Amino acid sequence: MVKVILESWREGLQKVALSKLQNEKLGMSLVVCKRNVDMLLDDHSIILEIEDQIIAQEFLVEADRLGVNCKILE
């Protein structure tokens, strides 16, 4: 199990794309995805537990590209 932490967001965050990424890559419901984005915008960190190391790394790279400051917790 890999933990990815979404720490904060940068100017130009692509909110809809971030929700879609969580839904498509991690199989999360759109309700949960939107709630995560809203919490991130309210300056809360989000911890996602991802089963697969490769998927976690792909998610991290894409989330960063969308404007999220994130990292993998070791």
C-alpha atoms as a PDB file:
ATOM      1  CA  MET A   1       0.000   0.000   0.000  1.00  0.00           C
ATOM      2  CA  VAL A   2       1.422   3.349  -1.070  1.00  0.00           C
ATOM      3  CA  LYS A   3       0.319   6.608   0.527  1.00  0.00           C
ATOM      4  CA  VAL A   4       0.233   9.712  -1.657  1.00  0.00           C
ATOM      5  CA  ILE A   5      -0.263  13.005   0.131  1.00  0.00           C
ATOM      6  CA  LEU A   6      -1.788  15.955  -1.677  1.00  0.00           C
ATOM      7  CA  GLU A   7      -0.261  18.760   0.378  1.00  0.00           C
ATOM      8  CA  SER A   8      -1.366  21.976  -1.298  1.00  0.00           C
ATOM      9  CA  TRP A   9      -2.241  23.498  -4.655  1.00  0.00           C
ATOM     10  CA  ARG A  10      -0.662  26.020  -7.009  1.00  0.00           C
ATOM     11  CA  GLU A  11      -2.160  28.881  -8.982  1.00  0.00           C
ATOM     12  CA  GLY A  12      -3.951  27.478 -12.027  1.00  0.00           C
ATOM     13  CA  LEU A  13      -4.989  24.209 -10.373  1.00  0.00           C
ATOM     14  CA  GLN A  14      -7.095  22.206 -12.817  1.00  0.00           C
ATOM     15  CA  LYS A  15      -9.871  21.208 -10.414  1.00  0.00           C
ATOM     16  CA  VAL A  16     -12.105  19.280 -12.794  1.00  0.00           C
ATOM     17  CA  ALA A  17      -9.141  17.417 -14.281  1.00  0.00           C
ATOM     18  CA  LEU A  18      -7.961  16.491 -10.768  1.00  0.00           C
ATOM     19  CA  SER A  19     -11.386  15.052  -9.934  1.00  0.00           C
ATOM     20  CA  LYS A  20     -11.385  13.143 -13.212  1.00  0.00           C
ATOM     21  CA  LEU A  21      -7.860  11.828 -12.562  1.00  0.00           C
ATOM     22  CA  GLN A  22      -8.874  10.421  -9.161  1.00  0.00           C
ATOM     23  CA  ASN A  23     -11.981   8.851 -10.689  1.00  0.00           C
ATOM     24  CA  GLU A  24     -10.264   7.266 -13.679  1.00  0.00           C
ATOM     25  CA  LYS A  25      -6.875   6.309 -12.217  1.00  0.00           C
ATOM     26  CA  LEU A  26      -7.975   5.327  -8.690  1.00  0.00           C
ATOM     27  CA  GLY A  27     -11.590   4.266  -9.256  1.00  0.00           C
ATOM     28  CA  MET A  28     -12.968   6.706  -6.678  1.00  0.00           C
ATOM     29  CA  SER A  29     -16.535   7.988  -6.905  1.00  0.00           C
ATOM     30  CA  LEU A  30     -17.003  11.479  -8.324  1.00  0.00           C
ATOM     31  CA  VAL A  31     -18.554  12.615  -5.028  1.00  0.00           C
ATOM     32  CA  VAL A  32     -15.407  11.618  -3.111  1.00  0.00           C
ATOM     33  CA  CYS A  33     -13.159  13.082  -5.813  1.00  0.00           C
ATOM     34  CA  LYS A  34     -14.898  16.458  -5.654  1.00  0.00           C
ATOM     35  CA  ARG A  35     -14.828  16.432  -1.852  1.00  0.00           C
ATOM     36  CA  ASN A  36     -11.057  15.796  -1.953  1.00  0.00           C
ATOM     37  CA  VAL A  37     -10.547  18.720  -4.337  1.00  0.00           C
ATOM     38  CA  ASP A  38     -12.719  20.999  -2.195  1.00  0.00           C
ATOM     39  CA  MET A  39     -10.787  20.021   0.934  1.00  0.00           C
ATOM     40  CA  LEU A  40      -7.488  20.658  -0.857  1.00  0.00           C
ATOM     41  CA  LEU A  41      -8.729  24.115  -1.886  1.00  0.00           C
ATOM     42  CA  ASP A  42      -9.601  24.749   1.788  1.00  0.00           C
ATOM     43  CA  ASP A  43      -5.928  24.088   2.689  1.00  0.00           C
ATOM     44  CA  HIS A  44      -6.378  20.542   4.001  1.00  0.00           C
ATOM     45  CA  SER A  45      -3.910  17.811   3.082  1.00  0.00           C
ATOM     46  CA  ILE A  46      -5.390  14.679   1.521  1.00  0.00           C
ATOM     47  CA  ILE A  47      -3.856  11.229   2.001  1.00  0.00           C
ATOM     48  CA  LEU A  48      -4.715   8.649  -0.634  1.00  0.00           C
ATOM     49  CA  GLU A  49      -3.872   4.978  -0.140  1.00  0.00           C
ATOM     50  CA  ILE A  50      -3.094   3.323  -3.452  1.00  0.00           C
ATOM     51  CA  GLU A  51      -2.551  -0.422  -3.842  1.00  0.00           C
ATOM     52  CA  ASP A  52      -0.149  -0.335  -6.790  1.00  0.00           C
ATOM     53  CA  GLN A  53       3.238   1.459  -6.672  1.00  0.00           C
ATOM     54  CA  ILE A  54       3.234   2.133 -10.427  1.00  0.00           C
ATOM     55  CA  ILE A  55      -0.275   3.612 -10.387  1.00  0.00           C
ATOM     56  CA  ALA A  56       0.690   5.733  -7.365  1.00  0.00           C
ATOM     57  CA  GLN A  57       3.710   7.117  -9.215  1.00  0.00           C
ATOM     58  CA  GLU A  58       1.674   7.803 -12.372  1.00  0.00           C
ATOM     59  CA  PHE A  59      -0.991   9.546 -10.272  1.00  0.00           C
ATOM     60  CA  LEU A  60       1.659  11.656  -8.525  1.00  0.00           C
ATOM     61  CA  VAL A  61       3.192  12.837 -11.799  1.00  0.00           C
ATOM     62  CA  GLU A  62      -0.176  13.710 -13.316  1.00  0.00           C
ATOM     63  CA  ALA A  63      -1.466  15.449 -10.167  1.00  0.00           C
ATOM     64  CA  ASP A  64       1.701  17.551 -10.076  1.00  0.00           C
ATOM     65  CA  ARG A  65       1.154  18.513 -13.720  1.00  0.00           C
ATOM     66  CA  LEU A  66      -2.402  19.604 -12.828  1.00  0.00           C
ATOM     67  CA  GLY A  67      -1.143  21.960 -10.099  1.00  0.00           C
ATOM     68  CA  VAL A  68      -0.979  19.870  -6.917  1.00  0.00           C
ATOM     69  CA  ASN A  69       2.009  19.856  -4.577  1.00  0.00           C
ATOM     70  CA  CYS A  70       2.184  16.193  -3.655  1.00  0.00           C
ATOM     71  CA  LYS A  71       4.539  13.436  -2.571  1.00  0.00           C
ATOM     72  CA  ILE A  72       4.679   9.743  -1.771  1.00  0.00           C
ATOM     73  CA  LEU A  73       4.963   8.934   1.934  1.00  0.00           C
ATOM     74  CA  GLU A  74       7.653   6.372   2.599  1.00  0.00           C
END
